[in-house]
Amino acid sequence: MTTILDAGALLAVERGDRELAARLKREWLAGRPAATHGGVVGQVWRGGSRRQVPLARIVEFVTVHGLDAVLGKRAGVLLARAGGADVIDAAVAVLAVDGDRILTSDPDDLVALVQAAGRDVEITPV
């Protein structure tokens, strides 16, 4: 099982959610790093200011996939199926496979996308 992160999960770490940061580090140490994609990082990264130190530290423990043409096309197909418009969230949903968990601050949108993808994924609000 992989934990997939949306922007809300990374922002929670930035705001000081030490429990979440420790959980992500434990997963990494156990050989199960959390994952996200570069578009999510772009949504939250603002130059690494002092305020972003917790975020910068946790990104070291996360597998960041490129939002390349393949992932972008898969996200676009999912958006067409789900009737959505947010390619960043759709790409998060595409990264997840059955049995994974998505940590999100926007569970309603991710539930709709995961359902449209036909995946059995746990959606966990942060």
C-alpha atoms as a PDB file:
ATOM      1  CA  MET A   1       0.000   0.000   0.000  1.00  0.00           C
ATOM      2  CA  THR A   2       1.231   3.446  -0.946  1.00  0.00           C
ATOM      3  CA  THR A   3       0.132   6.706   0.598  1.00  0.00           C
ATOM      4  CA  ILE A   4      -0.584   9.279  -2.118  1.00  0.00           C
ATOM      5  CA  LEU A   5      -0.459  12.964  -1.155  1.00  0.00           C
ATOM      6  CA  ASP A   6      -2.419  15.875  -2.558  1.00  0.00           C
ATOM      7  CA  ALA A   7      -1.563  19.518  -1.960  1.00  0.00           C
ATOM      8  CA  GLY A   8      -3.635  19.637   1.221  1.00  0.00           C
ATOM      9  CA  ALA A   9      -1.524  16.910   2.812  1.00  0.00           C
ATOM     10  CA  LEU A  10       1.697  18.773   2.021  1.00  0.00           C
ATOM     11  CA  LEU A  11       0.198  22.023   3.322  1.00  0.00           C
ATOM     12  CA  ALA A  12      -0.741  20.252   6.557  1.00  0.00           C
ATOM     13  CA  VAL A  13       2.924  19.354   7.008  1.00  0.00           C
ATOM     14  CA  GLU A  14       3.921  22.942   6.230  1.00  0.00           C
ATOM     15  CA  ARG A  15       1.474  24.179   8.881  1.00  0.00           C
ATOM     16  CA  GLY A  16       3.182  22.008  11.462  1.00  0.00           C
ATOM     17  CA  ASP A  17       1.264  18.713  11.512  1.00  0.00           C
ATOM     18  CA  ARG A  18       4.073  16.795  13.184  1.00  0.00           C
ATOM     19  CA  GLU A  19       2.031  13.604  13.464  1.00  0.00           C
ATOM     20  CA  LEU A  20       1.560  13.492   9.697  1.00  0.00           C
ATOM     21  CA  ALA A  21       5.227  14.313   9.058  1.00  0.00           C
ATOM     22  CA  ALA A  22       6.332  11.550  11.441  1.00  0.00           C
ATOM     23  CA  ARG A  23       3.931   9.091   9.795  1.00  0.00           C
ATOM     24  CA  LEU A  24       5.344   9.866   6.352  1.00  0.00           C
ATOM     25  CA  LYS A  25       8.909   9.487   7.614  1.00  0.00           C
ATOM     26  CA  ARG A  26       8.051   6.132   9.243  1.00  0.00           C
ATOM     27  CA  GLU A  27       6.554   4.908   5.969  1.00  0.00           C
ATOM     28  CA  TRP A  28       9.728   5.924   4.141  1.00  0.00           C
ATOM     29  CA  LEU A  29      11.948   4.171   6.684  1.00  0.00           C
ATOM     30  CA  ALA A  30       9.813   1.035   6.294  1.00  0.00           C
ATOM     31  CA  GLY A  31      10.428   1.086   2.539  1.00  0.00           C
ATOM     32  CA  ARG A  32       6.979   2.447   1.664  1.00  0.00           C
ATOM     33  CA  PRO A  33       7.567   6.074   0.689  1.00  0.00           C
ATOM     34  CA  ALA A  34       4.538   8.243   0.089  1.00  0.00           C
ATOM     35  CA  ALA A  35       4.063   9.486  -3.452  1.00  0.00           C
ATOM     36  CA  THR A  36       2.783  12.535  -5.281  1.00  0.00           C
ATOM     37  CA  HIS A  37       3.559  14.279  -8.555  1.00  0.00           C
ATOM     38  CA  GLY A  38       5.356  17.450  -9.542  1.00  0.00           C
ATOM     39  CA  GLY A  39       2.123  19.385 -10.116  1.00  0.00           C
ATOM     40  CA  VAL A  40       1.196  18.947  -6.464  1.00  0.00           C
ATOM     41  CA  VAL A  41       4.620  20.175  -5.380  1.00  0.00           C
ATOM     42  CA  GLY A  42       4.128  23.184  -7.650  1.00  0.00           C
ATOM     43  CA  GLN A  43       0.819  23.972  -5.962  1.00  0.00           C
ATOM     44  CA  VAL A  44       2.472  24.333  -2.560  1.00  0.00           C
ATOM     45  CA  TRP A  45       6.096  25.331  -3.160  1.00  0.00           C
ATOM     46  CA  ARG A  46       6.784  29.044  -2.787  1.00  0.00           C
ATOM     47  CA  GLY A  47      10.546  29.201  -2.824  1.00  0.00           C
ATOM     48  CA  GLY A  48      11.470  27.366   0.339  1.00  0.00           C
ATOM     49  CA  SER A  49      11.020  30.240   2.767  1.00  0.00           C
ATOM     50  CA  ARG A  50      11.577  29.636   6.447  1.00  0.00           C
ATOM     51  CA  ARG A  51       7.903  28.806   6.771  1.00  0.00           C
ATOM     52  CA  GLN A  52       8.397  25.958   4.286  1.00  0.00           C
ATOM     53  CA  VAL A  53      11.196  24.183   6.152  1.00  0.00           C
ATOM     54  CA  PRO A  54       8.879  21.350   7.326  1.00  0.00           C
ATOM     55  CA  LEU A  55       7.623  20.935   3.758  1.00  0.00           C
ATOM     56  CA  ALA A  56      11.153  20.887   2.333  1.00  0.00           C
ATOM     57  CA  ARG A  57      12.164  18.226   4.836  1.00  0.00           C
ATOM     58  CA  ILE A  58       9.204  15.952   4.174  1.00  0.00           C
ATOM     59  CA  VAL A  59       9.515  16.149   0.384  1.00  0.00           C
ATOM     60  CA  GLU A  60      12.829  14.306   0.838  1.00  0.00           C
ATOM     61  CA  PHE A  61      10.807  11.298   2.037  1.00  0.00           C
ATOM     62  CA  VAL A  62       8.274  11.366  -0.812  1.00  0.00           C
ATOM     63  CA  THR A  63       8.520   9.852  -4.282  1.00  0.00           C
ATOM     64  CA  VAL A  64       7.651  12.692  -6.662  1.00  0.00           C
ATOM     65  CA  HIS A  65       6.485  11.492 -10.086  1.00  0.00           C
ATOM     66  CA  GLY A  66       6.780  13.751 -13.105  1.00  0.00           C
ATOM     67  CA  LEU A  67       3.580  15.169 -14.524  1.00  0.00           C
ATOM     68  CA  ASP A  68       4.628  14.112 -18.004  1.00  0.00           C
ATOM     69  CA  ALA A  69       2.607  13.435 -21.149  1.00  0.00           C
ATOM     70  CA  VAL A  70       1.674   9.905 -20.086  1.00  0.00           C
ATOM     71  CA  LEU A  71       0.359  10.920 -16.653  1.00  0.00           C
ATOM     72  CA  GLY A  72      -1.255  14.026 -18.138  1.00  0.00           C
ATOM     73  CA  LYS A  73      -3.137  12.004 -20.754  1.00  0.00           C
ATOM     74  CA  ARG A  74      -4.301   9.465 -18.193  1.00  0.00           C
ATOM     75  CA  ALA A  75      -5.496  12.322 -15.962  1.00  0.00           C
ATOM     76  CA  GLY A  76      -7.314  13.917 -18.897  1.00  0.00           C
ATOM     77  CA  VAL A  77      -9.118  10.679 -19.728  1.00  0.00           C
ATOM     78  CA  LEU A  78     -10.153  10.359 -16.082  1.00  0.00           C
ATOM     79  CA  LEU A  79     -11.432  13.945 -16.071  1.00  0.00           C
ATOM     80  CA  ALA A  80     -13.554  13.206 -19.139  1.00  0.00           C
ATOM     81  CA  ARG A  81     -14.983  10.122 -17.430  1.00  0.00           C
ATOM     82  CA  ALA A  82     -15.623  11.930 -14.119  1.00  0.00           C
ATOM     83  CA  GLY A  83     -16.801  15.229 -15.580  1.00  0.00           C
ATOM     84  CA  GLY A  84     -14.113  17.112 -13.674  1.00  0.00           C
ATOM     85  CA  ALA A  85     -11.659  19.853 -14.515  1.00  0.00           C
ATOM     86  CA  ASP A  86      -8.751  19.692 -12.006  1.00  0.00           C
ATOM     87  CA  VAL A  87      -5.871  17.913 -13.724  1.00  0.00           C
ATOM     88  CA  ILE A  88      -3.715  18.031 -10.571  1.00  0.00           C
ATOM     89  CA  ASP A  89      -6.289  16.110  -8.516  1.00  0.00           C
ATOM     90  CA  ALA A  90      -6.966  13.747 -11.420  1.00  0.00           C
ATOM     91  CA  ALA A  91      -3.262  12.922 -11.667  1.00  0.00           C
ATOM     92  CA  VAL A  92      -3.236  12.193  -7.914  1.00  0.00           C
ATOM     93  CA  ALA A  93      -6.121   9.756  -8.438  1.00  0.00           C
ATOM     94  CA  VAL A  94      -4.350   8.157 -11.403  1.00  0.00           C
ATOM     95  CA  LEU A  95      -1.253   7.475  -9.288  1.00  0.00           C
ATOM     96  CA  ALA A  96      -3.306   5.410  -6.835  1.00  0.00           C
ATOM     97  CA  VAL A  97      -3.909   1.699  -7.301  1.00  0.00           C
ATOM     98  CA  ASP A  98      -6.229  -0.636  -5.415  1.00  0.00           C
ATOM     99  CA  GLY A  99      -5.341  -0.734  -1.738  1.00  0.00           C
ATOM    100  CA  ASP A 100      -3.599   2.650  -1.673  1.00  0.00           C
ATOM    101  CA  ARG A 101      -4.549   5.586   0.537  1.00  0.00           C
ATOM    102  CA  ILE A 102      -4.904   9.195  -0.596  1.00  0.00           C
ATOM    103  CA  LEU A 103      -4.375  11.911   2.019  1.00  0.00           C
ATOM    104  CA  THR A 104      -6.357  14.963   0.941  1.00  0.00           C
ATOM    105  CA  SER A 105      -7.951  18.170   2.130  1.00  0.00           C
ATOM    106  CA  ASP A 106     -10.576  17.774  -0.608  1.00  0.00           C
ATOM    107  CA  PRO A 107     -12.072  14.313  -0.111  1.00  0.00           C
ATOM    108  CA  ASP A 108     -15.251  14.880  -2.148  1.00  0.00           C
ATOM    109  CA  ASP A 109     -13.374  15.606  -5.380  1.00  0.00           C
ATOM    110  CA  LEU A 110     -10.956  12.725  -4.867  1.00  0.00           C
ATOM    111  CA  VAL A 111     -13.746  10.261  -4.058  1.00  0.00           C
ATOM    112  CA  ALA A 112     -15.469  11.136  -7.345  1.00  0.00           C
ATOM    113  CA  LEU A 113     -12.244  10.728  -9.304  1.00  0.00           C
ATOM    114  CA  VAL A 114     -11.305   7.434  -7.650  1.00  0.00           C
ATOM    115  CA  GLN A 115     -14.796   6.078  -8.257  1.00  0.00           C
ATOM    116  CA  ALA A 116     -14.637   7.114 -11.920  1.00  0.00           C
ATOM    117  CA  ALA A 117     -11.270   5.344 -12.156  1.00  0.00           C
ATOM    118  CA  GLY A 118     -12.842   2.189 -10.718  1.00  0.00           C
ATOM    119  CA  ARG A 119     -10.257   1.937  -7.982  1.00  0.00           C
ATOM    120  CA  ASP A 120     -10.594   0.651  -4.419  1.00  0.00           C
ATOM    121  CA  VAL A 121      -8.661   3.400  -2.645  1.00  0.00           C
ATOM    122  CA  GLU A 122      -9.017   4.754   0.896  1.00  0.00           C
ATOM    123  CA  ILE A 123      -9.574   8.521   0.973  1.00  0.00           C
ATOM    124  CA  THR A 124      -8.334  10.045   4.228  1.00  0.00           C
ATOM    125  CA  PRO A 125      -9.070  13.706   5.026  1.00  0.00           C
ATOM    126  CA  VAL A 126      -6.230  15.770   6.523  1.00  0.00           C
END
